[in-house]
Amino acid sequence: MLKINANYNKFKVGDTFKYGRTIYTVLSIFEDEGNTFYACKYTKKDGLVSYSNIFTYRIDDEGFSELYQRV
């Protein structure tokens, strides 16, 4: 997975991004215990929309972060 500088890519509601082969749309942003989480949706192959996708960033010891799918 591509590592990105922690300050480089902060999403806003309505932004889209590709994770793996799937394109997600950010629906909501919330914080819990000091971490920012992004609730996202994507359209499945059968046309149904999945809303159960939560992403956040993991920051390593060198200050780099990677997007991480929680659910």
Protein backbone atom coordinates (compact mmCIF):
# COMPACT_ATOMS: atom_id res chain seq x y z
CA MET A 1 0.00 0.00 0.00
CA LEU A 2 1.25 3.49 -0.82
CA LYS A 3 2.39 5.39 2.25
CA ILE A 4 1.43 9.05 2.32
CA ASN A 5 2.70 11.87 4.53
CA ALA A 6 0.25 12.27 7.44
CA ASN A 7 -0.49 15.92 6.57
CA TYR A 8 -0.83 15.32 2.85
CA ASN A 9 -4.24 13.73 2.40
CA LYS A 10 -7.13 14.75 4.65
CA PHE A 11 -10.54 13.96 3.19
CA LYS A 12 -13.66 16.14 3.16
CA VAL A 13 -17.29 15.02 2.93
CA GLY A 14 -18.04 14.22 -0.72
CA ASP A 15 -14.44 13.35 -1.65
CA THR A 16 -13.84 10.10 -3.49
CA PHE A 17 -10.78 7.89 -3.25
CA LYS A 18 -9.67 4.50 -4.49
CA TYR A 19 -8.71 1.82 -1.96
CA GLY A 20 -7.69 -1.44 -3.59
CA ARG A 21 -9.93 -1.72 -6.65
CA THR A 22 -12.94 0.00 -5.08
CA ILE A 23 -13.89 3.69 -5.27
CA TYR A 24 -15.32 5.08 -2.02
CA THR A 25 -17.19 8.31 -1.28
CA VAL A 26 -16.77 10.02 2.10
CA LEU A 27 -20.17 10.50 3.79
CA SER A 28 -19.20 11.56 7.29
CA ILE A 29 -16.14 12.44 9.33
CA PHE A 30 -15.92 11.91 13.08
CA GLU A 31 -13.30 11.71 15.82
CA ASP A 32 -12.91 9.16 18.59
CA GLU A 33 -10.10 9.08 21.13
CA GLY A 34 -8.10 11.60 19.11
CA ASN A 35 -8.30 9.70 15.80
CA THR A 36 -10.20 10.89 12.73
CA PHE A 37 -12.48 8.35 11.04
CA TYR A 38 -14.17 8.51 7.64
CA ALA A 39 -17.52 6.78 7.07
CA CYS A 40 -17.76 5.87 3.39
CA LYS A 41 -19.97 4.19 0.83
CA TYR A 42 -19.37 2.35 -2.43
CA THR A 43 -21.53 0.77 -5.11
CA LYS A 44 -21.28 -3.01 -5.42
CA LYS A 45 -21.22 -4.85 -8.75
CA ASP A 46 -24.93 -5.66 -8.40
CA GLY A 47 -25.77 -1.95 -8.04
CA LEU A 48 -26.48 -2.01 -4.30
CA VAL A 49 -24.76 0.57 -2.11
CA SER A 50 -22.72 -0.49 0.92
CA TYR A 51 -22.51 2.02 3.79
CA SER A 52 -20.51 -0.07 6.28
CA ASN A 53 -17.01 1.16 5.54
CA ILE A 54 -14.92 3.07 8.08
CA PHE A 55 -11.39 4.28 7.29
CA THR A 56 -8.68 5.99 9.31
CA TYR A 57 -4.94 6.66 9.05
CA ARG A 58 -2.27 4.67 10.88
CA ILE A 59 0.86 6.71 11.60
CA ASP A 60 4.12 4.79 11.89
CA ASP A 61 7.24 5.68 13.90
CA GLU A 62 8.72 7.68 11.00
CA GLY A 63 5.72 10.04 10.74
CA PHE A 64 4.27 8.44 7.62
CA SER A 65 0.69 7.29 7.48
CA GLU A 66 -1.28 4.79 5.49
CA LEU A 67 -4.99 4.59 4.91
CA TYR A 68 -6.46 1.72 6.90
CA GLN A 69 -9.89 0.15 6.49
CA ARG A 70 -11.42 -0.52 9.91
CA VAL A 71 -14.70 -2.16 8.83
